[in-house]
Amino acid sequence: MAKILLVEDNEMNRDMLSRRLQRKGYEVEIAVDGLEGVEKATTSRYDVILMDMSLPEIDGWEVTRRLRTQEGMQHTPIIALTAHAMAGDREKAIEAGCDDYDTKPIELPRLLSKIEALLDGRREEA
């Protein structure tokens, strides 16, 4: 079972997305702000990180940059989640270190296909 870290400050988004992912067979842990996201991501192992980009404390862009400098975090897939789908945001997310990008409101089938593609890529590397 793949283990996902969901870094999301909005309680309704957290609850909805974590329940839906758990029903699909994923183990989900939650961080409610950027600092907790860094702490959890660096103290536990996750197969995928779903990173809200608009977070309190430190935003998802900075969390991702920090994680990419940590030993062992260079290859953990990170998917940026944002409601601010502006031109250039996908490129900005990739430059920050994210592997993929998805917009809110979350369309679960689309997000699941991105998660599975990243997990399949990791399996092929192993």
C-alpha atoms as a PDB file:
ATOM      1  CA  MET A   1       0.000   0.000   0.000  1.00  0.00           C
ATOM      2  CA  ALA A   2       1.434   3.355  -1.022  1.00  0.00           C
ATOM      3  CA  LYS A   3       1.868   5.949   1.718  1.00  0.00           C
ATOM      4  CA  ILE A   4       0.888   9.534   0.876  1.00  0.00           C
ATOM      5  CA  LEU A   5       1.633  12.718   2.795  1.00  0.00           C
ATOM      6  CA  LEU A   6      -1.115  15.281   2.200  1.00  0.00           C
ATOM      7  CA  VAL A   7       0.079  18.796   3.090  1.00  0.00           C
ATOM      8  CA  GLU A   8      -3.125  20.858   3.135  1.00  0.00           C
ATOM      9  CA  ASP A   9      -4.302  23.645   5.457  1.00  0.00           C
ATOM     10  CA  ASN A  10      -7.981  23.660   4.469  1.00  0.00           C
ATOM     11  CA  GLU A  11      -9.833  21.240   6.744  1.00  0.00           C
ATOM     12  CA  MET A  12     -12.618  20.482   4.271  1.00  0.00           C
ATOM     13  CA  ASN A  13     -10.145  19.762   1.445  1.00  0.00           C
ATOM     14  CA  ARG A  14      -8.024  17.616   3.800  1.00  0.00           C
ATOM     15  CA  ASP A  15     -10.940  15.540   5.016  1.00  0.00           C
ATOM     16  CA  MET A  16     -12.494  15.035   1.597  1.00  0.00           C
ATOM     17  CA  LEU A  17      -9.280  14.151  -0.200  1.00  0.00           C
ATOM     18  CA  SER A  18      -7.835  11.950   2.542  1.00  0.00           C
ATOM     19  CA  ARG A  19     -11.061   9.908   2.806  1.00  0.00           C
ATOM     20  CA  ARG A  20     -11.254   9.452  -0.960  1.00  0.00           C
ATOM     21  CA  LEU A  21      -7.614   8.368  -1.180  1.00  0.00           C
ATOM     22  CA  GLN A  22      -8.040   5.943   1.728  1.00  0.00           C
ATOM     23  CA  ARG A  23     -11.054   4.387  -0.012  1.00  0.00           C
ATOM     24  CA  LYS A  24      -8.772   3.818  -3.012  1.00  0.00           C
ATOM     25  CA  GLY A  25      -6.355   1.887  -0.786  1.00  0.00           C
ATOM     26  CA  TYR A  26      -3.746   4.518   0.053  1.00  0.00           C
ATOM     27  CA  GLU A  27      -2.389   5.150   3.535  1.00  0.00           C
ATOM     28  CA  VAL A  28      -2.677   8.899   4.126  1.00  0.00           C
ATOM     29  CA  GLU A  29      -0.938  11.097   6.690  1.00  0.00           C
ATOM     30  CA  ILE A  30      -1.696  14.788   7.012  1.00  0.00           C
ATOM     31  CA  ALA A  31       0.284  17.954   7.661  1.00  0.00           C
ATOM     32  CA  VAL A  32      -1.700  21.150   8.202  1.00  0.00           C
ATOM     33  CA  ASP A  33       0.974  23.745   7.382  1.00  0.00           C
ATOM     34  CA  GLY A  34       4.329  24.081   5.683  1.00  0.00           C
ATOM     35  CA  LEU A  35       6.441  23.583   8.790  1.00  0.00           C
ATOM     36  CA  GLU A  36       4.622  20.381   9.717  1.00  0.00           C
ATOM     37  CA  GLY A  37       4.964  19.269   6.093  1.00  0.00           C
ATOM     38  CA  VAL A  38       8.758  19.631   6.225  1.00  0.00           C
ATOM     39  CA  GLU A  39       8.922  17.877   9.598  1.00  0.00           C
ATOM     40  CA  LYS A  40       6.778  14.900   8.574  1.00  0.00           C
ATOM     41  CA  ALA A  41       8.373  14.526   5.144  1.00  0.00           C
ATOM     42  CA  THR A  42      11.871  14.438   6.623  1.00  0.00           C
ATOM     43  CA  THR A  43      11.098  12.104   9.531  1.00  0.00           C
ATOM     44  CA  SER A  44       8.993   9.473   7.725  1.00  0.00           C
ATOM     45  CA  ARG A  45       9.117   7.852   4.319  1.00  0.00           C
ATOM     46  CA  TYR A  46       6.340   8.588   1.825  1.00  0.00           C
ATOM     47  CA  ASP A  47       5.734   7.225  -1.649  1.00  0.00           C
ATOM     48  CA  VAL A  48       4.095  10.472  -2.821  1.00  0.00           C
ATOM     49  CA  ILE A  49       3.610  13.936  -1.331  1.00  0.00           C
ATOM     50  CA  LEU A  50       0.576  16.030  -2.282  1.00  0.00           C
ATOM     51  CA  MET A  51       1.585  19.634  -1.639  1.00  0.00           C
ATOM     52  CA  ASP A  52      -0.879  22.504  -1.381  1.00  0.00           C
ATOM     53  CA  MET A  53       1.044  25.538  -2.562  1.00  0.00           C
ATOM     54  CA  SER A  54      -0.838  28.129  -0.443  1.00  0.00           C
ATOM     55  CA  LEU A  55       0.091  27.131   3.095  1.00  0.00           C
ATOM     56  CA  PRO A  56       0.538  29.013   6.369  1.00  0.00           C
ATOM     57  CA  GLU A  57       3.952  29.268   8.029  1.00  0.00           C
ATOM     58  CA  ILE A  58       5.896  28.542   4.825  1.00  0.00           C
ATOM     59  CA  ASP A  59       4.235  28.075   1.448  1.00  0.00           C
ATOM     60  CA  GLY A  60       4.326  24.917  -0.631  1.00  0.00           C
ATOM     61  CA  TRP A  61       6.867  26.375  -3.049  1.00  0.00           C
ATOM     62  CA  GLU A  62       9.381  26.848  -0.215  1.00  0.00           C
ATOM     63  CA  VAL A  63       8.514  23.519   1.437  1.00  0.00           C
ATOM     64  CA  THR A  64       9.265  21.758  -1.838  1.00  0.00           C
ATOM     65  CA  ARG A  65      12.565  23.611  -2.291  1.00  0.00           C
ATOM     66  CA  ARG A  66      13.611  22.677   1.253  1.00  0.00           C
ATOM     67  CA  LEU A  67      12.632  19.033   0.817  1.00  0.00           C
ATOM     68  CA  ARG A  68      14.646  18.738  -2.392  1.00  0.00           C
ATOM     69  CA  THR A  69      17.802  19.693  -0.472  1.00  0.00           C
ATOM     70  CA  GLN A  70      17.281  16.949   2.128  1.00  0.00           C
ATOM     71  CA  GLU A  71      19.144  13.646   1.882  1.00  0.00           C
ATOM     72  CA  GLY A  72      16.835  10.991   0.460  1.00  0.00           C
ATOM     73  CA  MET A  73      14.146  13.470  -0.637  1.00  0.00           C
ATOM     74  CA  GLN A  74      15.421  14.189  -4.134  1.00  0.00           C
ATOM     75  CA  HIS A  75      13.371  11.393  -5.713  1.00  0.00           C
ATOM     76  CA  THR A  76      10.193  11.375  -3.595  1.00  0.00           C
ATOM     77  CA  PRO A  77       7.403  12.372  -6.010  1.00  0.00           C
ATOM     78  CA  ILE A  78       5.713  15.656  -5.126  1.00  0.00           C
ATOM     79  CA  ILE A  79       2.498  16.813  -6.790  1.00  0.00           C
ATOM     80  CA  ALA A  80       1.670  20.512  -6.437  1.00  0.00           C
ATOM     81  CA  LEU A  81      -1.992  21.252  -5.666  1.00  0.00           C
ATOM     82  CA  THR A  82      -3.276  24.765  -6.202  1.00  0.00           C
ATOM     83  CA  ALA A  83      -6.499  26.666  -6.699  1.00  0.00           C
ATOM     84  CA  HIS A  84      -4.539  29.484  -8.351  1.00  0.00           C
ATOM     85  CA  ALA A  85      -4.183  28.021 -11.824  1.00  0.00           C
ATOM     86  CA  MET A  86      -2.426  30.900 -13.519  1.00  0.00           C
ATOM     87  CA  ALA A  87      -0.328  30.797 -16.654  1.00  0.00           C
ATOM     88  CA  GLY A  88       3.159  29.686 -15.697  1.00  0.00           C
ATOM     89  CA  ASP A  89       2.163  28.045 -12.395  1.00  0.00           C
ATOM     90  CA  ARG A  90       2.897  24.547 -13.691  1.00  0.00           C
ATOM     91  CA  GLU A  91       6.377  25.626 -14.766  1.00  0.00           C
ATOM     92  CA  LYS A  92       6.902  27.399 -11.431  1.00  0.00           C
ATOM     93  CA  ALA A  93       5.936  24.192  -9.580  1.00  0.00           C
ATOM     94  CA  ILE A  94       8.347  22.092 -11.666  1.00  0.00           C
ATOM     95  CA  GLU A  95      11.140  24.635 -11.101  1.00  0.00           C
ATOM     96  CA  ALA A  96      10.500  24.469  -7.332  1.00  0.00           C
ATOM     97  CA  GLY A  97      11.017  20.702  -7.486  1.00  0.00           C
ATOM     98  CA  CYS A  98       7.532  19.264  -7.974  1.00  0.00           C
ATOM     99  CA  ASP A  99       7.156  16.285 -10.288  1.00  0.00           C
ATOM    100  CA  ASP A 100       3.636  17.174 -11.378  1.00  0.00           C
ATOM    101  CA  TYR A 101       0.910  19.750 -10.892  1.00  0.00           C
ATOM    102  CA  ASP A 102      -2.856  19.566 -10.394  1.00  0.00           C
ATOM    103  CA  THR A 103      -5.534  22.186  -9.943  1.00  0.00           C
ATOM    104  CA  LYS A 104      -8.302  22.537  -7.392  1.00  0.00           C
ATOM    105  CA  PRO A 105     -11.039  21.630  -7.167  1.00  0.00           C
ATOM    106  CA  ILE A 106      -9.486  18.184  -7.305  1.00  0.00           C
ATOM    107  CA  GLU A 107     -10.836  15.810  -9.925  1.00  0.00           C
ATOM    108  CA  LEU A 108     -10.024  12.491  -8.257  1.00  0.00           C
ATOM    109  CA  PRO A 109      -9.644  10.373 -11.437  1.00  0.00           C
ATOM    110  CA  ARG A 110      -7.147  12.882 -12.861  1.00  0.00           C
ATOM    111  CA  LEU A 111      -5.179  13.080  -9.592  1.00  0.00           C
ATOM    112  CA  LEU A 112      -5.176   9.281  -9.198  1.00  0.00           C
ATOM    113  CA  SER A 113      -3.748   8.859 -12.684  1.00  0.00           C
ATOM    114  CA  LYS A 114      -0.930  11.287 -11.821  1.00  0.00           C
ATOM    115  CA  ILE A 115      -0.220   9.479  -8.533  1.00  0.00           C
ATOM    116  CA  GLU A 116      -0.159   6.094 -10.250  1.00  0.00           C
ATOM    117  CA  ALA A 117       2.104   7.350 -13.048  1.00  0.00           C
ATOM    118  CA  LEU A 118       4.629   8.625 -10.492  1.00  0.00           C
ATOM    119  CA  LEU A 119       4.424   5.400  -8.450  1.00  0.00           C
ATOM    120  CA  ASP A 120       4.922   3.323 -11.608  1.00  0.00           C
ATOM    121  CA  GLY A 121       7.970   5.430 -12.468  1.00  0.00           C
ATOM    122  CA  ARG A 122       9.446   4.770  -9.028  1.00  0.00           C
ATOM    123  CA  ARG A 123       8.806   1.034  -9.368  1.00  0.00           C
ATOM    124  CA  GLU A 124      10.648   1.000 -12.690  1.00  0.00           C
ATOM    125  CA  GLU A 125      13.651   2.759 -11.092  1.00  0.00           C
ATOM    126  CA  ALA A 126      13.800   0.226  -8.230  1.00  0.00           C
END
